[in-house]
Amino acid sequence: MARAIIAVLDTRGIDLPAFARERIVTCIDGDTLGLRLRRAAVVDSVEVVFGDS
């Protein structure tokens, strides 16, 4: 699911710094990844994917 999140963000043209990419690919919690994928489809910044803003 991490690759799907990255693909969605990339397709939408949202900048994905290395630290954010690492945070996504190292996550092993399915619920968290699902939430991040849903957020990735609608947010304007990567910070919102993580709920940081």
Protein backbone atom coordinates (compact mmCIF):
# COMPACT_ATOMS: atom_id res chain seq x y z
CA MET A 1 0.00 0.00 0.00
CA ALA A 2 2.97 2.32 0.57
CA ARG A 3 3.74 2.28 -3.15
CA ALA A 4 0.14 3.23 -3.91
CA ILE A 5 0.38 6.23 -1.57
CA ILE A 6 3.58 7.38 -3.24
CA ALA A 7 2.06 6.86 -6.70
CA VAL A 8 -1.04 8.89 -5.83
CA LEU A 9 1.03 11.76 -4.45
CA ASP A 10 3.35 11.66 -7.47
CA THR A 11 0.45 11.59 -9.93
CA ARG A 12 -1.13 14.55 -8.19
CA GLY A 13 2.15 16.49 -8.35
CA ILE A 14 2.55 16.71 -4.58
CA ASP A 15 6.17 17.10 -3.48
CA LEU A 16 7.40 14.10 -1.49
CA PRO A 17 10.64 14.81 0.38
CA ALA A 18 12.90 11.89 1.27
CA PHE A 19 11.90 11.98 4.95
CA ALA A 20 8.21 11.66 4.03
CA ARG A 21 8.87 8.83 1.57
CA GLU A 22 10.80 7.00 4.30
CA ARG A 23 7.98 7.53 6.77
CA ILE A 24 5.51 6.02 4.30
CA VAL A 25 7.58 2.99 3.30
CA THR A 26 8.56 2.07 6.86
CA CYS A 27 4.99 2.11 8.16
CA ILE A 28 3.70 -1.42 8.80
CA ASP A 29 0.26 -0.60 10.20
CA GLY A 30 -2.43 -1.39 7.63
CA ASP A 31 -4.99 0.98 9.14
CA THR A 32 -2.50 3.85 9.10
CA LEU A 33 -1.52 3.12 5.52
CA GLY A 34 -5.17 2.99 4.49
CA LEU A 35 -5.85 6.34 6.11
CA ARG A 36 -2.80 7.85 4.43
CA LEU A 37 -3.88 6.50 1.04
CA ARG A 38 -7.33 8.06 1.41
CA ARG A 39 -5.78 11.35 2.47
CA ALA A 40 -3.28 11.26 -0.40
CA ALA A 41 -6.18 11.30 -2.85
CA VAL A 42 -7.54 14.63 -1.61
CA VAL A 43 -4.84 16.66 0.18
CA ASP A 44 -2.75 19.55 -1.09
CA SER A 45 0.42 18.80 0.90
CA VAL A 46 2.23 15.77 2.22
CA GLU A 47 2.00 17.09 5.78
CA VAL A 48 -1.75 16.57 5.71
CA VAL A 49 -1.23 12.93 4.67
CA PHE A 50 0.40 12.42 8.06
CA GLY A 51 -2.09 14.61 9.92
CA ASP A 52 0.70 17.05 10.76
CA SER A 53 -1.24 20.12 9.70
